[in-house]
Amino acid sequence: MRKGYDLLGLAQRAGKVQSGEAAAETVIKKNKAKLVIVAKDASENTKRNFTTMAYSRRARLIEAGEKLLLGTALGRSPRSVVVITDDNFANRLHQLFGEEE
């Protein structure tokens, strides 16, 4: 689990992450999202909206982590939604965060 947050921070520094609902929505609608991570403690409305959006754009989506931990890993305030725009980071993060479920 810790490795997932560390890798998320690395992806952020590499410029392969967009976070926050508005930025995430923009990336998904441009079909550049490889993986959408929605925090487990995000509101039901946020979960529903991003699940629908990711499904319609054929982006992978996982529900993992908590808002505070996701934000901290990125060096930012709490984040409900994080979007990965790189295939390699997306695949590894999907493996790491998928293990927790």
N, C-alpha and C. Protein backbone atom coordinates (compact mmCIF):
# COMPACT_ATOMS: atom_id res chain seq x y z
N MET A 1 0.82 -1.20 0.00
CA MET A 1 0.00 0.00 0.00
C MET A 1 0.86 1.25 0.00
N ARG A 2 1.87 1.27 0.86
CA ARG A 2 2.78 2.42 0.93
C ARG A 2 3.48 2.64 -0.40
N LYS A 3 3.81 1.53 -1.08
CA LYS A 3 4.47 1.64 -2.38
C LYS A 3 3.59 2.37 -3.38
N GLY A 4 2.29 2.15 -3.28
CA GLY A 4 1.35 2.82 -4.18
C GLY A 4 1.39 4.33 -4.02
N TYR A 5 1.41 4.78 -2.76
CA TYR A 5 1.47 6.22 -2.51
C TYR A 5 2.82 6.81 -2.93
N ASP A 6 3.89 6.05 -2.71
CA ASP A 6 5.22 6.50 -3.14
C ASP A 6 5.27 6.65 -4.66
N LEU A 7 4.71 5.65 -5.35
CA LEU A 7 4.71 5.70 -6.82
C LEU A 7 3.82 6.83 -7.33
N LEU A 8 2.75 7.09 -6.63
CA LEU A 8 1.87 8.20 -6.99
C LEU A 8 2.63 9.52 -6.91
N GLY A 9 3.42 9.68 -5.86
CA GLY A 9 4.25 10.88 -5.73
C GLY A 9 5.27 11.00 -6.85
N LEU A 10 5.86 9.87 -7.24
CA LEU A 10 6.82 9.86 -8.34
C LEU A 10 6.14 10.24 -9.66
N ALA A 11 4.96 9.70 -9.88
CA ALA A 11 4.19 10.03 -11.10
C ALA A 11 3.86 11.53 -11.13
N GLN A 12 3.54 12.09 -9.95
CA GLN A 12 3.25 13.52 -9.85
C GLN A 12 4.47 14.34 -10.26
N ARG A 13 5.62 13.95 -9.74
CA ARG A 13 6.86 14.69 -10.07
C ARG A 13 7.22 14.53 -11.54
N ALA A 14 6.82 13.42 -12.14
CA ALA A 14 7.08 13.18 -13.56
C ALA A 14 6.06 13.89 -14.46
N GLY A 15 5.06 14.52 -13.85
CA GLY A 15 4.06 15.25 -14.63
C GLY A 15 3.01 14.37 -15.28
N LYS A 16 2.79 13.19 -14.72
CA LYS A 16 1.84 12.24 -15.31
C LYS A 16 0.56 12.11 -14.50
N VAL A 17 0.29 13.09 -13.63
CA VAL A 17 -0.88 13.05 -12.76
C VAL A 17 -1.66 14.36 -12.85
N GLN A 18 -2.97 14.24 -12.87
CA GLN A 18 -3.86 15.38 -12.70
C GLN A 18 -4.75 15.04 -11.52
N SER A 19 -4.97 16.00 -10.65
CA SER A 19 -5.80 15.70 -9.49
C SER A 19 -6.79 16.82 -9.23
N GLY A 20 -7.80 16.49 -8.47
CA GLY A 20 -8.89 17.42 -8.23
C GLY A 20 -9.97 17.16 -9.26
N GLU A 21 -11.20 17.43 -8.89
CA GLU A 21 -12.32 17.05 -9.74
C GLU A 21 -12.34 17.76 -11.09
N ALA A 22 -12.09 19.07 -11.11
CA ALA A 22 -12.16 19.83 -12.38
C ALA A 22 -11.06 19.40 -13.34
N ALA A 23 -9.83 19.30 -12.86
CA ALA A 23 -8.70 18.90 -13.70
C ALA A 23 -8.88 17.46 -14.19
N ALA A 24 -9.34 16.60 -13.30
CA ALA A 24 -9.55 15.19 -13.66
C ALA A 24 -10.61 15.06 -14.75
N GLU A 25 -11.69 15.80 -14.59
CA GLU A 25 -12.77 15.75 -15.58
C GLU A 25 -12.27 16.18 -16.96
N THR A 26 -11.46 17.23 -17.00
CA THR A 26 -10.92 17.72 -18.27
C THR A 26 -10.08 16.65 -18.96
N VAL A 27 -9.20 16.01 -18.21
CA VAL A 27 -8.32 14.97 -18.77
C VAL A 27 -9.13 13.78 -19.27
N ILE A 28 -10.12 13.37 -18.50
CA ILE A 28 -10.95 12.23 -18.90
C ILE A 28 -11.70 12.55 -20.19
N LYS A 29 -12.26 13.75 -20.28
CA LYS A 29 -13.03 14.12 -21.47
C LYS A 29 -12.15 14.26 -22.71
N LYS A 30 -10.85 14.49 -22.53
CA LYS A 30 -9.91 14.55 -23.66
C LYS A 30 -9.37 13.16 -24.00
N ASN A 31 -9.90 12.12 -23.33
CA ASN A 31 -9.49 10.74 -23.54
C ASN A 31 -8.01 10.50 -23.27
N LYS A 32 -7.44 11.23 -22.32
CA LYS A 32 -6.03 11.06 -21.99
C LYS A 32 -5.83 10.29 -20.69
N ALA A 33 -6.91 9.92 -20.03
CA ALA A 33 -6.83 9.21 -18.75
C ALA A 33 -6.55 7.74 -18.99
N LYS A 34 -5.51 7.23 -18.33
CA LYS A 34 -5.20 5.80 -18.39
C LYS A 34 -5.75 5.08 -17.16
N LEU A 35 -5.81 5.80 -16.04
CA LEU A 35 -6.35 5.24 -14.81
C LEU A 35 -6.95 6.37 -13.98
N VAL A 36 -8.14 6.14 -13.48
CA VAL A 36 -8.82 7.09 -12.60
C VAL A 36 -8.89 6.46 -11.22
N ILE A 37 -8.37 7.17 -10.22
CA ILE A 37 -8.42 6.69 -8.83
C ILE A 37 -9.38 7.61 -8.08
N VAL A 38 -10.44 7.03 -7.53
CA VAL A 38 -11.40 7.78 -6.73
C VAL A 38 -11.23 7.33 -5.28
N ALA A 39 -11.08 8.28 -4.39
CA ALA A 39 -10.90 7.97 -2.97
C ALA A 39 -12.11 7.24 -2.42
N LYS A 40 -11.86 6.28 -1.53
CA LYS A 40 -12.95 5.53 -0.92
C LYS A 40 -13.87 6.42 -0.11
N ASP A 41 -13.31 7.51 0.44
CA ASP A 41 -14.13 8.40 1.26
C ASP A 41 -14.65 9.62 0.49
N ALA A 42 -14.61 9.54 -0.85
CA ALA A 42 -15.21 10.60 -1.68
C ALA A 42 -16.72 10.50 -1.56
N SER A 43 -17.41 11.59 -1.87
CA SER A 43 -18.87 11.58 -1.78
C SER A 43 -19.46 10.60 -2.81
N GLU A 44 -20.64 10.11 -2.51
CA GLU A 44 -21.30 9.17 -3.43
C GLU A 44 -21.53 9.82 -4.79
N ASN A 45 -21.83 11.11 -4.79
CA ASN A 45 -22.05 11.83 -6.04
C ASN A 45 -20.77 11.85 -6.88
N THR A 46 -19.64 12.12 -6.24
CA THR A 46 -18.35 12.14 -6.94
C THR A 46 -18.04 10.76 -7.50
N LYS A 47 -18.23 9.73 -6.70
CA LYS A 47 -17.98 8.36 -7.16
C LYS A 47 -18.84 8.03 -8.37
N ARG A 48 -20.11 8.36 -8.29
CA ARG A 48 -21.05 8.06 -9.39
C ARG A 48 -20.65 8.81 -10.66
N ASN A 49 -20.36 10.11 -10.52
CA ASN A 49 -20.01 10.92 -11.69
C ASN A 49 -18.76 10.41 -12.39
N PHE A 50 -17.72 10.11 -11.61
CA PHE A 50 -16.46 9.69 -12.22
C PHE A 50 -16.51 8.25 -12.72
N THR A 51 -17.33 7.42 -12.08
CA THR A 51 -17.50 6.06 -12.59
C THR A 51 -18.17 6.11 -13.95
N THR A 52 -19.21 6.91 -14.08
CA THR A 52 -19.91 7.06 -15.35
C THR A 52 -19.00 7.64 -16.42
N MET A 53 -18.26 8.69 -16.05
CA MET A 53 -17.37 9.35 -16.99
C MET A 53 -16.26 8.41 -17.47
N ALA A 54 -15.64 7.70 -16.54
CA ALA A 54 -14.55 6.78 -16.89
C ALA A 54 -15.08 5.64 -17.77
N TYR A 55 -16.24 5.12 -17.42
CA TYR A 55 -16.82 4.03 -18.20
C TYR A 55 -17.12 4.48 -19.63
N SER A 56 -17.70 5.66 -19.77
CA SER A 56 -18.06 6.14 -21.11
C SER A 56 -16.84 6.43 -21.97
N ARG A 57 -15.71 6.75 -21.34
CA ARG A 57 -14.47 7.04 -22.09
C ARG A 57 -13.51 5.85 -22.10
N ARG A 58 -13.97 4.73 -21.57
CA ARG A 58 -13.19 3.49 -21.53
C ARG A 58 -11.86 3.64 -20.78
N ALA A 59 -11.89 4.41 -19.71
CA ALA A 59 -10.72 4.54 -18.83
C ALA A 59 -10.90 3.59 -17.65
N ARG A 60 -9.81 3.00 -17.19
CA ARG A 60 -9.90 2.13 -16.01
C ARG A 60 -10.15 2.99 -14.78
N LEU A 61 -10.91 2.45 -13.85
CA LEU A 61 -11.22 3.18 -12.63
C LEU A 61 -11.10 2.23 -11.45
N ILE A 62 -10.45 2.72 -10.39
CA ILE A 62 -10.42 1.97 -9.14
C ILE A 62 -10.80 2.90 -8.01
N GLU A 63 -11.36 2.32 -6.98
CA GLU A 63 -11.70 3.06 -5.78
C GLU A 63 -10.68 2.64 -4.73
N ALA A 64 -9.80 3.58 -4.35
CA ALA A 64 -8.71 3.21 -3.44
C ALA A 64 -8.25 4.41 -2.63
N GLY A 65 -7.72 4.12 -1.46
CA GLY A 65 -7.13 5.17 -0.64
C GLY A 65 -8.15 6.09 -0.01
N GLU A 66 -7.63 7.09 0.65
CA GLU A 66 -8.46 8.12 1.27
C GLU A 66 -8.02 9.47 0.74
N LYS A 67 -8.93 10.43 0.77
CA LYS A 67 -8.64 11.77 0.23
C LYS A 67 -7.37 12.36 0.82
N LEU A 68 -7.22 12.29 2.12
CA LEU A 68 -6.05 12.88 2.78
C LEU A 68 -4.76 12.21 2.33
N LEU A 69 -4.76 10.88 2.27
CA LEU A 69 -3.55 10.15 1.86
C LEU A 69 -3.20 10.39 0.40
N LEU A 70 -4.21 10.44 -0.46
CA LEU A 70 -3.94 10.72 -1.88
C LEU A 70 -3.35 12.11 -2.04
N GLY A 71 -3.93 13.09 -1.37
CA GLY A 71 -3.42 14.45 -1.44
C GLY A 71 -2.01 14.57 -0.89
N THR A 72 -1.76 13.93 0.23
CA THR A 72 -0.43 13.96 0.85
C THR A 72 0.62 13.34 -0.06
N ALA A 73 0.29 12.24 -0.71
CA ALA A 73 1.22 11.58 -1.63
C ALA A 73 1.60 12.49 -2.78
N LEU A 74 0.68 13.39 -3.15
CA LEU A 74 0.92 14.32 -4.27
C LEU A 74 1.52 15.64 -3.79
N GLY A 75 1.65 15.79 -2.47
CA GLY A 75 2.16 17.05 -1.93
C GLY A 75 1.13 18.16 -2.02
N ARG A 76 -0.13 17.79 -1.92
CA ARG A 76 -1.23 18.75 -2.06
C ARG A 76 -2.26 18.55 -0.95
N SER A 77 -3.31 19.34 -1.03
CA SER A 77 -4.43 19.18 -0.08
C SER A 77 -5.18 17.89 -0.43
N PRO A 78 -6.10 17.46 0.42
CA PRO A 78 -6.85 16.21 0.15
C PRO A 78 -7.48 16.22 -1.25
N ARG A 79 -7.40 15.07 -1.92
CA ARG A 79 -7.92 14.93 -3.28
C ARG A 79 -8.88 13.77 -3.36
N SER A 80 -10.06 14.01 -3.94
CA SER A 80 -11.06 12.95 -4.12
C SER A 80 -10.76 12.12 -5.36
N VAL A 81 -10.18 12.76 -6.37
CA VAL A 81 -9.96 12.10 -7.66
C VAL A 81 -8.54 12.38 -8.14
N VAL A 82 -7.88 11.32 -8.61
CA VAL A 82 -6.54 11.43 -9.19
C VAL A 82 -6.58 10.69 -10.52
N VAL A 83 -6.04 11.31 -11.57
CA VAL A 83 -6.01 10.70 -12.89
C VAL A 83 -4.56 10.52 -13.32
N ILE A 84 -4.24 9.32 -13.78
CA ILE A 84 -2.90 9.01 -14.28
C ILE A 84 -2.96 9.04 -15.80
N THR A 85 -1.99 9.72 -16.43
CA THR A 85 -2.01 9.87 -17.89
C THR A 85 -0.93 9.06 -18.60
N ASP A 86 -0.22 8.22 -17.86
CA ASP A 86 0.86 7.40 -18.44
C ASP A 86 0.53 5.92 -18.25
N ASP A 87 0.68 5.13 -19.32
CA ASP A 87 0.34 3.70 -19.26
C ASP A 87 1.13 2.94 -18.22
N ASN A 88 2.45 3.17 -18.16
CA ASN A 88 3.29 2.41 -17.23
C ASN A 88 2.94 2.70 -15.78
N PHE A 89 2.82 3.98 -15.44
CA PHE A 89 2.41 4.33 -14.08
C PHE A 89 1.02 3.78 -13.78
N ALA A 90 0.11 3.88 -14.75
CA ALA A 90 -1.26 3.41 -14.56
C ALA A 90 -1.29 1.91 -14.28
N ASN A 91 -0.54 1.14 -15.04
CA ASN A 91 -0.53 -0.31 -14.85
C ASN A 91 0.00 -0.69 -13.48
N ARG A 92 1.11 -0.08 -13.07
CA ARG A 92 1.71 -0.42 -11.77
C ARG A 92 0.82 0.04 -10.60
N LEU A 93 0.26 1.24 -10.72
CA LEU A 93 -0.62 1.73 -9.66
C LEU A 93 -1.88 0.87 -9.56
N HIS A 94 -2.38 0.43 -10.68
CA HIS A 94 -3.56 -0.45 -10.69
C HIS A 94 -3.24 -1.74 -9.93
N GLN A 95 -2.04 -2.28 -10.15
CA GLN A 95 -1.62 -3.48 -9.43
C GLN A 95 -1.51 -3.20 -7.93
N LEU A 96 -0.80 -2.14 -7.57
CA LEU A 96 -0.55 -1.85 -6.16
C LEU A 96 -1.82 -1.52 -5.38
N PHE A 97 -2.67 -0.65 -5.94
CA PHE A 97 -3.88 -0.28 -5.24
C PHE A 97 -4.95 -1.37 -5.34
N GLY A 98 -4.90 -2.17 -6.40
CA GLY A 98 -5.83 -3.28 -6.55
C GLY A 98 -5.64 -4.36 -5.50
N GLU A 99 -4.40 -4.49 -5.00
CA GLU A 99 -4.09 -5.49 -3.98
C GLU A 99 -4.81 -5.24 -2.67
N GLU A 100 -5.12 -3.96 -2.38
CA GLU A 100 -5.73 -3.62 -1.10
C GLU A 100 -7.19 -4.03 -1.02
N GLU A 101 -7.82 -4.26 -2.17
CA GLU A 101 -9.25 -4.58 -2.18
C GLU A 101 -9.52 -6.04 -1.86
